[in-house]
Amino acid sequence: MNSDLLDLDAKALLAAATEAERASRLAEVAKLELLSAWAAIHSTDPTEGPDGYIARRVGNVLRQVGGDGTPGVQDFCLGEIALARGAGVTATSNMLADVLDLEHRLPLTWAVTRRGECEVWLARKVAKLSRHLPADRVHVVDTAVSRMIASEAPGRVLQVAEAKVIEADPALHEERCEAERRRRYIGLGRTDEYGLRTLIAKLEAGDAVAVDATVHRVADIIEPLHPDASPDELRAIAFGWLARPAELFMLLLEHTDSEPDVEPEPDSYSEPDPDLGPDDDCKESSMPARAYAFPADLLDALRDIDLTPLAPKVVLHVHLHEAALHGTDAVARVEGLGPVSLARLMEMLRGSVVRVQPVKDLSHRVRYTAYEHPESLRDQVHLVTGGDYWPWATSTSRSVDLDHPIPYDHGAPNDGRDPPPGQTGSHNSGPLGRRHHRWKTHAGYTARQCGEGRYVLLSPHGLAFLIDHTGTHPVHPEKARMIIDAPAGVDIYPA
């Protein structure tokens, strides 16, 4: 704690809290203005200059990251400013879009924001909500929001902003509603530290009701097996059965004699059957509903079917220290799921047919003459690096490009000079997302691999970073240049 603050009385502390909040807002405004200035000095179209053909070929074109009426920015400029901020490219691009919208489309709201009178995140949210509106309609939102953003609660401001977005262009809103129907999806969230994961689905209302009904039915069936489970937990367990259709099919088959949830309405016009005894009518009413009724021979035939081929096949990449194989407590890392305990991993695999693939020896360096990376090398590089080696990149996907940090020398076929051998291998391979790969190749970046899973990258304006298994570390440009210019086969790692 700052000891100087303890010398202040209550009134002074309240005043200091107010000033600190305003200073924080102004600091956020300064970040936005820096991005705006960076965009301004990179707003000329590189495709119109003498090297326009090259710019178009490598993708350095003007991109409109903001809404209608905002200036474009050069694609290649986004990477370096993201590095300077220590942030991802997507977050930086989104932030740039917000400030350009505020400056050029929502000037009244921007004026309030620059004075530190409102939350910056709230102004950015309004910019995002109204981004799809034409430039000549967005003033409806700007006028309404600017009058209240400094004095109303954020929830109220957003409600008004959403209403004004619809009011500004009702026809466009209807088009967007139809477009949203084409954006139905199912998505997985990140796995938390407890091995749980959120699944989000956006479906047709009828499909959602059908899924809910199936989950409810399965929950009713399995309830005796989980007497201590809450209703929500029981439904979550039941939902998991949907991922195992063969097991779900057998479960429903074994419970086809369940009574229907809704009794059929009696036919008030039907005459009683004189051949039925006094108890027969009761027996008939206890029979399963038509939706659940199957002929006995069909049920027997279905139960005899081998449903093993219907089971889903999944490749699970599990990373585990060898000490765990000898009884030592350890935590496994499952690609796409995150860290899990061994007990949780065993529970995850229970009931599955497991086929163990050979373990890859990552200490073995491999080299190839060809430009292409064979699948075995791709696998090894991913296991060592864990994902995109661009500074502060978040992707751990295997669906990335494999880059030669030291550019591949294709030789000179016309002069009879073949490519030097051994350029492709675990010593000169790094995973990069497609956009990062394009920037590294064409935007003036220099890189080198300086050990297993260790890379150094130097930006066009001298920002230098060392990337390894511990993360991204800014380094002095001279150290980066020393690593990059080291003789072949010499890996330098600065302390």
Protein backbone atom coordinates (compact mmCIF):
# COMPACT_ATOMS: atom_id res chain seq x y z
CA MET A 1 0.00 0.00 0.00
CA ASN A 2 1.13 3.56 -0.71
CA SER A 3 1.94 4.96 2.72
CA ASP A 4 1.25 8.53 1.54
CA LEU A 5 -2.40 7.66 1.07
CA LEU A 6 -2.72 6.85 4.77
CA ASP A 7 -2.01 10.49 5.55
CA LEU A 8 -5.19 11.58 3.72
CA ASP A 9 -8.53 11.94 5.42
CA ALA A 10 -11.76 10.44 4.05
CA LYS A 11 -12.66 13.50 1.98
CA ALA A 12 -9.21 13.66 0.38
CA LEU A 13 -9.28 9.93 -0.39
CA LEU A 14 -12.63 10.31 -2.14
CA ALA A 15 -11.26 13.20 -4.20
CA ALA A 16 -8.16 11.16 -5.06
CA ALA A 17 -10.34 8.22 -6.13
CA THR A 18 -12.29 10.49 -8.47
CA GLU A 19 -9.11 11.91 -9.97
CA ALA A 20 -7.53 8.47 -10.35
CA GLU A 21 -10.57 7.24 -12.26
CA ARG A 22 -10.45 10.24 -14.58
CA ALA A 23 -6.70 9.76 -15.11
CA SER A 24 -7.33 6.11 -15.97
CA ARG A 25 -9.92 7.12 -18.54
CA LEU A 26 -7.58 9.70 -20.08
CA ALA A 27 -4.83 7.08 -20.26
CA GLU A 28 -7.20 4.82 -22.22
CA VAL A 29 -7.99 7.76 -24.51
CA ALA A 30 -4.25 8.27 -25.07
CA LYS A 31 -3.94 4.64 -26.19
CA LEU A 32 -6.71 5.18 -28.72
CA GLU A 33 -5.15 8.40 -30.01
CA LEU A 34 -1.78 6.69 -30.47
CA LEU A 35 -3.42 4.02 -32.60
CA SER A 36 -5.22 6.70 -34.61
CA ALA A 37 -1.94 8.51 -35.27
CA TRP A 38 -0.29 5.24 -36.37
CA ALA A 39 -3.15 4.66 -38.78
CA ALA A 40 -2.86 8.21 -40.12
CA ILE A 41 0.79 7.78 -41.16
CA HIS A 42 -0.10 4.48 -42.84
CA SER A 43 -3.21 5.61 -44.70
CA THR A 44 -1.72 6.04 -48.19
CA ASP A 45 -2.50 3.29 -50.67
CA PRO A 46 0.70 1.30 -51.31
CA THR A 47 -0.80 -0.22 -54.46
CA GLU A 48 -0.80 3.19 -56.19
CA GLY A 49 2.95 3.78 -55.92
CA PRO A 50 5.76 2.58 -58.19
CA ASP A 51 5.79 -0.77 -56.37
CA GLY A 52 2.02 -1.13 -56.49
CA TYR A 53 2.11 -4.47 -58.27
CA ILE A 54 4.33 -5.99 -55.58
CA ALA A 55 2.16 -4.54 -52.80
CA ARG A 56 -0.95 -6.12 -54.32
CA ARG A 57 0.80 -9.45 -54.82
CA VAL A 58 1.99 -9.76 -51.21
CA GLY A 59 -1.24 -8.37 -49.73
CA ASN A 60 -0.15 -4.95 -48.44
CA VAL A 61 -3.37 -3.21 -49.39
CA LEU A 62 -5.56 -0.64 -47.67
CA ARG A 63 -8.06 -2.28 -45.33
CA GLN A 64 -11.08 -0.55 -43.85
CA VAL A 65 -11.10 -1.87 -40.30
CA GLY A 66 -13.72 0.65 -39.18
CA GLY A 67 -17.22 1.40 -40.42
CA ASP A 68 -18.43 3.27 -43.49
CA GLY A 69 -16.66 6.61 -43.84
CA THR A 70 -13.49 5.72 -41.94
CA PRO A 71 -10.09 5.84 -43.67
CA GLY A 72 -8.29 2.67 -44.68
CA VAL A 73 -5.00 1.51 -43.18
CA GLN A 74 -2.16 -0.51 -44.68
CA ASP A 75 -2.42 -4.17 -43.75
CA PHE A 76 1.28 -4.52 -42.98
CA CYS A 77 1.22 -1.72 -40.38
CA LEU A 78 -1.01 -3.64 -37.97
CA GLY A 79 1.56 -6.23 -36.97
CA GLU A 80 4.27 -3.88 -35.70
CA ILE A 81 1.98 -1.63 -33.65
CA ALA A 82 0.55 -4.75 -32.03
CA LEU A 83 4.08 -5.80 -31.06
CA ALA A 84 4.77 -2.36 -29.58
CA ARG A 85 1.61 -2.63 -27.47
CA GLY A 86 2.40 -6.16 -26.33
CA ALA A 87 -1.01 -7.26 -27.58
CA GLY A 88 -2.49 -9.57 -30.16
CA VAL A 89 -3.20 -8.42 -33.71
CA THR A 90 -6.94 -9.04 -33.44
CA ALA A 91 -7.28 -7.00 -30.24
CA THR A 92 -5.23 -4.19 -31.77
CA SER A 93 -7.28 -4.21 -34.97
CA ASN A 94 -10.52 -4.08 -32.98
CA MET A 95 -9.23 -1.18 -30.91
CA LEU A 96 -8.18 0.69 -34.05
CA ALA A 97 -11.62 0.14 -35.59
CA ASP A 98 -13.26 1.59 -32.48
CA VAL A 99 -11.19 4.77 -32.39
CA LEU A 100 -11.64 5.39 -36.13
CA ASP A 101 -15.39 4.99 -35.72
CA LEU A 102 -15.45 7.36 -32.76
CA GLU A 103 -13.39 9.99 -34.59
CA HIS A 104 -15.11 9.86 -37.97
CA ARG A 105 -18.62 8.53 -37.25
CA LEU A 106 -19.41 9.39 -33.62
CA PRO A 107 -17.67 12.76 -33.08
CA LEU A 108 -20.06 13.98 -30.35
CA THR A 109 -19.56 10.82 -28.30
CA TRP A 110 -15.82 11.00 -28.94
CA ALA A 111 -15.67 14.56 -27.58
CA VAL A 112 -17.24 13.41 -24.29
CA THR A 113 -14.87 10.46 -24.15
CA ARG A 114 -11.76 12.58 -24.72
CA ARG A 115 -12.70 14.77 -21.74
CA GLY A 116 -12.63 11.71 -19.49
CA GLU A 117 -16.32 12.08 -18.64
CA CYS A 118 -17.35 8.51 -19.54
CA GLU A 119 -15.98 5.00 -19.55
CA VAL A 120 -13.85 4.40 -22.63
CA TRP A 121 -14.98 0.79 -22.92
CA LEU A 122 -18.59 1.99 -23.11
CA ALA A 123 -17.86 4.39 -25.97
CA ARG A 124 -16.03 1.58 -27.79
CA LYS A 125 -19.02 -0.69 -27.28
CA VAL A 126 -21.32 1.89 -28.88
CA ALA A 127 -18.90 2.17 -31.81
CA LYS A 128 -19.02 -1.59 -32.32
CA LEU A 129 -22.82 -1.73 -32.05
CA SER A 130 -23.25 0.93 -34.75
CA ARG A 131 -20.39 -0.10 -37.08
CA HIS A 132 -22.67 -1.64 -39.71
CA LEU A 133 -24.73 1.54 -40.17
CA PRO A 134 -24.11 3.74 -43.23
CA ALA A 135 -22.19 6.93 -42.55
CA ASP A 136 -25.24 9.10 -43.24
CA ARG A 137 -27.39 7.26 -40.64
CA VAL A 138 -25.05 6.78 -37.70
CA HIS A 139 -25.60 10.36 -36.45
CA VAL A 140 -28.90 9.18 -34.95
CA VAL A 141 -26.94 7.01 -32.53
CA ASP A 142 -24.25 9.62 -31.91
CA THR A 143 -26.71 12.36 -30.98
CA ALA A 144 -28.65 10.20 -28.52
CA VAL A 145 -25.66 8.56 -26.86
CA SER A 146 -23.56 11.71 -26.49
CA ARG A 147 -26.33 13.32 -24.40
CA MET A 148 -26.40 10.54 -21.82
CA ILE A 149 -23.13 8.58 -21.81
CA ALA A 150 -21.62 10.80 -19.10
CA SER A 151 -24.63 10.71 -16.79
CA GLU A 152 -26.48 7.40 -17.23
CA ALA A 153 -25.59 3.87 -16.17
CA PRO A 154 -23.85 1.78 -18.86
CA GLY A 155 -26.79 -0.62 -19.14
CA ARG A 156 -29.17 2.24 -19.90
CA VAL A 157 -26.76 3.73 -22.46
CA LEU A 158 -26.48 0.42 -24.29
CA GLN A 159 -30.26 -0.05 -24.33
CA VAL A 160 -30.72 3.34 -25.95
CA ALA A 161 -27.85 2.71 -28.38
CA GLU A 162 -29.38 -0.60 -29.50
CA ALA A 163 -32.76 1.06 -30.01
CA LYS A 164 -31.25 3.93 -32.00
CA VAL A 165 -29.32 1.49 -34.20
CA ILE A 166 -32.65 -0.07 -35.23
CA GLU A 167 -34.29 3.34 -35.62
CA ALA A 168 -31.47 4.64 -37.81
CA ASP A 169 -32.09 2.05 -40.54
CA PRO A 170 -35.04 -0.34 -39.98
CA ALA A 171 -34.64 -2.03 -43.37
CA LEU A 172 -30.99 -2.78 -42.68
CA HIS A 173 -31.96 -4.19 -39.29
CA GLU A 174 -34.33 -6.66 -40.95
CA GLU A 175 -31.58 -7.71 -43.34
CA ARG A 176 -29.25 -8.28 -40.39
CA CYS A 177 -31.89 -10.35 -38.62
CA GLU A 178 -32.05 -12.62 -41.65
CA ALA A 179 -28.27 -12.74 -41.84
CA GLU A 180 -28.11 -13.77 -38.17
CA ARG A 181 -30.28 -16.76 -38.96
CA ARG A 182 -27.51 -17.86 -41.31
CA ARG A 183 -24.97 -17.51 -38.52
CA ARG A 184 -26.19 -20.43 -36.48
CA TYR A 185 -23.32 -22.29 -34.89
CA ILE A 186 -22.05 -24.52 -32.14
CA GLY A 187 -18.91 -23.40 -30.34
CA LEU A 188 -16.66 -24.65 -27.57
CA GLY A 189 -15.24 -22.40 -24.87
CA ARG A 190 -11.90 -22.85 -23.13
CA THR A 191 -11.43 -25.70 -20.69
CA ASP A 192 -11.21 -24.42 -17.11
CA GLU A 193 -8.91 -25.63 -14.36
CA TYR A 194 -11.52 -28.19 -13.25
CA GLY A 195 -11.69 -29.98 -16.60
CA LEU A 196 -15.07 -28.45 -17.48
CA ARG A 197 -15.90 -26.75 -20.74
CA THR A 198 -18.75 -24.56 -21.94
CA LEU A 199 -20.65 -25.44 -25.12
CA ILE A 200 -22.73 -22.74 -26.78
CA ALA A 201 -25.23 -23.42 -29.54
CA LYS A 202 -27.33 -21.10 -31.65
CA LEU A 203 -30.09 -23.17 -33.29
CA GLU A 204 -33.49 -23.00 -34.83
CA ALA A 205 -36.04 -22.78 -32.04
CA GLY A 206 -37.60 -26.12 -33.00
CA ASP A 207 -34.27 -27.94 -33.00
CA ALA A 208 -33.41 -26.44 -29.63
CA VAL A 209 -36.70 -27.68 -28.17
CA ALA A 210 -36.09 -31.18 -29.57
CA VAL A 211 -32.60 -31.31 -28.07
CA ASP A 212 -33.98 -30.11 -24.75
CA ALA A 213 -36.68 -32.80 -24.81
CA THR A 214 -34.11 -35.53 -25.53
CA VAL A 215 -31.89 -34.30 -22.70
CA HIS A 216 -34.91 -34.29 -20.38
CA ARG A 217 -35.80 -37.85 -21.40
CA VAL A 218 -32.26 -39.15 -20.84
CA ALA A 219 -32.04 -37.33 -17.51
CA ASP A 220 -35.18 -39.12 -16.35
CA ILE A 221 -33.70 -42.49 -17.34
CA ILE A 222 -30.32 -42.03 -15.65
CA GLU A 223 -31.60 -40.31 -12.52
CA PRO A 224 -31.46 -43.52 -10.38
CA LEU A 225 -27.77 -43.85 -11.26
CA HIS A 226 -26.98 -40.37 -9.89
CA PRO A 227 -29.10 -39.97 -6.74
CA ASP A 228 -27.04 -37.06 -5.40
CA ALA A 229 -26.97 -35.03 -8.62
CA SER A 230 -28.85 -31.75 -8.83
CA PRO A 231 -31.30 -31.26 -11.71
CA ASP A 232 -28.81 -29.07 -13.59
CA GLU A 233 -25.98 -31.55 -13.07
CA LEU A 234 -28.23 -34.40 -14.17
CA ARG A 235 -29.15 -32.60 -17.39
CA ALA A 236 -25.47 -31.87 -18.07
CA ILE A 237 -24.67 -35.58 -17.68
CA ALA A 238 -27.59 -36.41 -19.97
CA PHE A 239 -26.34 -33.93 -22.56
CA GLY A 240 -23.04 -35.81 -22.66
CA TRP A 241 -24.92 -38.89 -23.89
CA LEU A 242 -25.70 -37.03 -27.13
CA ALA A 243 -22.00 -37.30 -28.00
CA ARG A 244 -22.22 -41.11 -27.83
CA PRO A 245 -25.05 -41.98 -30.24
CA ALA A 246 -24.50 -45.74 -30.11
CA GLU A 247 -24.72 -45.80 -26.30
CA LEU A 248 -27.66 -43.40 -26.39
CA PHE A 249 -29.48 -45.64 -28.86
CA MET A 250 -29.06 -48.66 -26.59
CA LEU A 251 -30.13 -46.65 -23.54
CA LEU A 252 -33.35 -45.57 -25.21
CA LEU A 253 -33.97 -49.12 -26.47
CA GLU A 254 -33.67 -50.50 -22.96
CA HIS A 255 -36.27 -48.02 -21.75
CA THR A 256 -38.87 -48.20 -24.48
CA ASP A 257 -41.46 -49.41 -21.98
CA SER A 258 -41.47 -46.12 -20.11
CA GLU A 259 -44.85 -44.55 -19.71
CA PRO A 260 -45.60 -41.45 -21.75
CA ASP A 261 -45.29 -38.07 -20.10
CA VAL A 262 -48.80 -37.10 -21.22
CA GLU A 263 -51.73 -39.47 -20.99
CA PRO A 264 -53.73 -39.71 -24.24
CA GLU A 265 -57.09 -38.05 -24.20
CA PRO A 266 -59.91 -40.64 -23.92
CA ASP A 267 -62.18 -40.96 -26.92
CA SER A 268 -65.53 -39.88 -25.49
CA TYR A 269 -67.36 -41.22 -28.52
CA SER A 270 -65.95 -44.76 -28.45
CA GLU A 271 -68.04 -47.61 -27.12
CA PRO A 272 -66.55 -49.93 -24.51
CA ASP A 273 -65.41 -53.29 -25.85
CA PRO A 274 -67.81 -55.91 -24.45
CA ASP A 275 -65.06 -58.59 -24.65
CA LEU A 276 -62.89 -56.79 -22.11
CA GLY A 277 -63.03 -57.79 -18.48
CA PRO A 278 -63.32 -55.29 -15.65
CA ASP A 279 -59.50 -55.08 -15.22
CA ASP A 280 -58.49 -55.23 -18.90
CA ASP A 281 -59.17 -51.58 -19.56
CA CYS A 282 -56.69 -50.61 -16.86
CA LYS A 283 -54.05 -52.93 -18.32
CA GLU A 284 -54.38 -51.39 -21.75
CA SER A 285 -53.95 -47.87 -20.45
CA SER A 286 -50.62 -48.83 -18.88
CA MET A 287 -49.11 -49.91 -22.20
CA PRO A 288 -46.39 -47.69 -23.70
CA ALA A 289 -47.38 -44.82 -25.94
CA ARG A 290 -47.26 -45.37 -29.69
CA ALA A 291 -44.11 -43.23 -29.93
CA TYR A 292 -42.26 -45.70 -27.70
CA ALA A 293 -43.82 -48.95 -28.94
CA PHE A 294 -41.67 -51.40 -30.95
CA PRO A 295 -42.41 -55.00 -31.95
CA ALA A 296 -40.68 -57.39 -29.57
CA ASP A 297 -38.74 -59.12 -32.35
CA LEU A 298 -37.49 -55.76 -33.64
CA LEU A 299 -36.30 -54.79 -30.17
CA ASP A 300 -34.43 -58.09 -29.84
CA ALA A 301 -32.82 -57.60 -33.25
CA LEU A 302 -31.77 -54.05 -32.43
CA ARG A 303 -30.24 -55.15 -29.13
CA ASP A 304 -28.11 -57.74 -30.96
CA ILE A 305 -26.57 -55.18 -33.32
CA ASP A 306 -22.87 -54.46 -32.79
CA LEU A 307 -22.79 -50.68 -32.50
CA THR A 308 -19.03 -50.39 -32.02
CA PRO A 309 -18.45 -49.10 -35.59
CA LEU A 310 -20.81 -46.22 -34.82
CA ALA A 311 -18.65 -44.96 -31.97
CA PRO A 312 -16.89 -41.68 -32.82
CA LYS A 313 -13.16 -41.85 -33.49
CA VAL A 314 -11.07 -39.15 -31.85
CA VAL A 315 -7.34 -38.47 -31.89
CA LEU A 316 -6.34 -37.24 -28.44
CA HIS A 317 -2.89 -35.70 -28.00
CA VAL A 318 -1.90 -36.14 -24.34
CA HIS A 319 1.36 -34.70 -22.98
CA LEU A 320 2.56 -36.40 -19.80
CA HIS A 321 5.85 -36.49 -17.91
CA GLU A 322 7.42 -39.92 -17.84
CA ALA A 323 7.48 -39.82 -14.01
CA ALA A 324 3.70 -40.19 -14.04
CA LEU A 325 4.09 -43.61 -15.63
CA HIS A 326 5.84 -44.79 -12.45
CA GLY A 327 3.14 -43.70 -10.01
CA THR A 328 4.23 -40.12 -9.38
CA ASP A 329 1.44 -37.55 -9.15
CA ALA A 330 1.38 -35.48 -12.30
CA VAL A 331 -0.88 -33.38 -14.47
CA ALA A 332 -1.50 -34.24 -18.10
CA ARG A 333 -2.00 -31.64 -20.82
CA VAL A 334 -4.55 -32.57 -23.45
CA GLU A 335 -4.44 -30.52 -26.65
CA GLY A 336 -7.70 -28.64 -27.06
CA LEU A 337 -8.73 -29.32 -23.46
CA GLY A 338 -5.89 -28.06 -21.30
CA PRO A 339 -4.42 -29.48 -18.08
CA VAL A 340 -6.26 -32.37 -16.41
CA SER A 341 -5.42 -34.68 -13.54
CA LEU A 342 -4.64 -38.32 -14.24
CA ALA A 343 -7.84 -39.37 -12.47
CA ARG A 344 -9.85 -37.02 -14.68
CA LEU A 345 -8.06 -38.35 -17.78
CA MET A 346 -8.94 -41.93 -16.84
CA GLU A 347 -12.56 -40.92 -16.34
CA MET A 348 -12.54 -39.22 -19.72
CA LEU A 349 -11.30 -42.39 -21.43
CA ARG A 350 -13.54 -44.81 -19.53
CA GLY A 351 -15.52 -47.01 -21.89
CA SER A 352 -13.38 -46.05 -24.87
CA VAL A 353 -11.27 -48.25 -27.08
CA VAL A 354 -7.82 -46.70 -26.71
CA ARG A 355 -5.02 -47.18 -29.22
CA VAL A 356 -1.69 -45.74 -28.14
CA GLN A 357 0.53 -44.32 -30.86
CA PRO A 358 4.35 -44.44 -30.58
CA VAL A 359 5.90 -41.63 -28.58
CA LYS A 360 7.94 -39.21 -30.68
CA ASP A 361 11.51 -38.56 -29.55
CA LEU A 362 11.71 -34.76 -29.62
CA SER A 363 15.43 -34.71 -28.85
CA HIS A 364 16.22 -36.07 -32.31
CA ARG A 365 16.93 -33.34 -34.85
CA VAL A 366 15.77 -34.06 -38.36
CA ARG A 367 16.72 -32.37 -41.63
CA TYR A 368 15.26 -32.53 -45.11
CA THR A 369 16.41 -31.23 -48.46
CA ALA A 370 12.99 -30.36 -49.87
CA TYR A 371 11.15 -27.09 -49.20
CA GLU A 372 8.01 -28.83 -47.95
CA HIS A 373 7.65 -29.95 -44.33
CA PRO A 374 6.68 -33.64 -44.06
CA GLU A 375 3.91 -34.55 -41.63
CA SER A 376 6.31 -36.11 -39.13
CA LEU A 377 8.28 -32.86 -38.96
CA ARG A 378 5.11 -30.79 -38.59
CA ASP A 379 4.12 -32.97 -35.66
CA GLN A 380 7.51 -32.64 -33.99
CA VAL A 381 7.65 -28.86 -34.40
CA HIS A 382 4.18 -28.47 -32.93
CA LEU A 383 5.02 -30.64 -29.93
CA VAL A 384 8.13 -28.56 -29.22
CA THR A 385 6.70 -25.07 -29.78
CA GLY A 386 3.08 -25.58 -28.75
CA GLY A 387 1.72 -23.14 -31.33
CA ASP A 388 2.26 -19.93 -33.30
CA TYR A 389 5.68 -18.40 -32.50
CA TRP A 390 4.67 -14.83 -33.37
CA PRO A 391 5.15 -12.61 -30.28
CA TRP A 392 2.15 -12.82 -27.96
CA ALA A 393 0.28 -15.09 -30.35
CA THR A 394 -2.49 -17.09 -28.68
CA SER A 395 -3.08 -19.86 -31.21
CA THR A 396 -2.14 -23.41 -30.19
CA SER A 397 -3.75 -24.93 -33.26
CA ARG A 398 -2.01 -27.41 -35.52
CA SER A 399 -3.70 -25.77 -38.54
CA VAL A 400 -0.94 -23.24 -39.20
CA ASP A 401 1.78 -22.63 -41.77
CA LEU A 402 5.30 -23.90 -41.13
CA ASP A 403 7.78 -21.12 -41.72
CA HIS A 404 11.50 -21.24 -42.43
CA PRO A 405 12.77 -18.58 -39.95
CA ILE A 406 15.91 -18.33 -42.10
CA PRO A 407 14.31 -17.99 -45.55
CA TYR A 408 14.65 -21.02 -47.80
CA ASP A 409 17.26 -20.66 -50.54
CA HIS A 410 15.69 -22.09 -53.70
CA GLY A 411 18.98 -21.95 -55.56
CA ALA A 412 19.25 -20.79 -59.17
CA PRO A 413 17.85 -23.48 -61.47
CA ASN A 414 18.65 -21.42 -64.57
CA ASP A 415 22.33 -21.30 -63.55
CA GLY A 416 22.44 -24.93 -62.50
CA ARG A 417 22.69 -24.17 -58.76
CA ASP A 418 20.55 -26.48 -56.65
CA PRO A 419 19.11 -25.48 -53.26
CA PRO A 420 21.60 -26.10 -50.43
CA PRO A 421 20.70 -29.30 -48.57
CA GLY A 422 19.34 -29.52 -45.04
CA GLN A 423 17.47 -26.21 -44.95
CA THR A 424 14.20 -27.74 -43.79
CA GLY A 425 14.21 -29.42 -40.41
CA SER A 426 13.59 -29.09 -36.70
CA HIS A 427 16.46 -26.56 -36.61
CA ASN A 428 14.76 -24.12 -39.01
CA SER A 429 11.00 -24.55 -38.72
CA GLY A 430 8.43 -22.51 -36.85
CA PRO A 431 4.61 -22.49 -36.88
CA LEU A 432 2.96 -19.22 -37.91
CA GLY A 433 -0.63 -18.26 -38.60
CA ARG A 434 -1.29 -17.37 -42.22
CA ARG A 435 -1.38 -13.61 -41.61
CA HIS A 436 1.72 -13.68 -39.39
CA HIS A 437 3.50 -15.80 -42.00
CA ARG A 438 2.69 -13.28 -44.73
CA TRP A 439 3.95 -10.36 -42.63
CA LYS A 440 7.14 -12.17 -41.64
CA THR A 441 7.84 -13.04 -45.29
CA HIS A 442 6.95 -9.77 -47.02
CA ALA A 443 6.78 -6.92 -44.47
CA GLY A 444 10.45 -6.59 -43.58
CA TYR A 445 10.71 -8.80 -40.48
CA THR A 446 13.83 -10.85 -39.74
CA ALA A 447 13.82 -14.03 -37.66
CA ARG A 448 15.96 -16.95 -36.65
CA GLN A 449 15.47 -20.13 -34.68
CA CYS A 450 18.06 -20.25 -31.90
CA GLY A 451 17.36 -23.61 -30.30
CA GLU A 452 14.54 -26.09 -29.89
CA GLY A 453 11.30 -24.09 -29.69
CA ARG A 454 13.21 -20.81 -29.35
CA TYR A 455 12.97 -17.94 -31.85
CA VAL A 456 14.09 -14.34 -32.17
CA LEU A 457 12.19 -11.81 -34.29
CA LEU A 458 13.19 -8.28 -35.34
CA SER A 459 10.56 -5.86 -36.68
CA PRO A 460 11.14 -3.33 -39.51
CA HIS A 461 11.54 -0.45 -37.00
CA GLY A 462 13.81 -2.35 -34.61
CA LEU A 463 11.44 -3.94 -32.08
CA ALA A 464 13.04 -7.21 -30.99
CA PHE A 465 11.56 -10.21 -29.19
CA LEU A 466 12.73 -13.59 -27.96
CA ILE A 467 10.01 -16.25 -27.96
CA ASP A 468 10.43 -19.54 -26.11
CA HIS A 469 8.53 -21.95 -23.86
CA THR A 470 8.30 -19.26 -21.14
CA GLY A 471 6.58 -16.71 -23.38
CA THR A 472 7.48 -13.53 -25.25
CA HIS A 473 10.38 -11.39 -23.98
CA PRO A 474 11.39 -7.99 -25.43
CA VAL A 475 15.16 -7.86 -25.98
CA HIS A 476 17.58 -5.19 -27.12
CA PRO A 477 17.78 -4.99 -30.93
CA GLU A 478 21.58 -5.46 -30.81
CA LYS A 479 21.15 -8.77 -28.97
CA ALA A 480 18.58 -9.85 -31.52
CA ARG A 481 20.90 -8.93 -34.36
CA MET A 482 23.74 -10.85 -32.69
CA ILE A 483 21.55 -13.98 -32.54
CA ILE A 484 20.36 -13.56 -36.12
CA ASP A 485 23.87 -12.98 -37.53
CA ALA A 486 25.52 -15.85 -35.63
CA PRO A 487 27.29 -18.45 -37.81
CA ALA A 488 25.24 -21.39 -39.03
CA GLY A 489 24.89 -24.02 -36.35
CA VAL A 490 25.62 -21.61 -33.48
CA ASP A 491 22.60 -20.98 -31.24
CA ILE A 492 22.98 -17.97 -28.93
CA TYR A 493 20.65 -17.56 -25.98
CA PRO A 494 21.07 -14.27 -24.04
CA ALA A 495 20.67 -14.45 -20.27
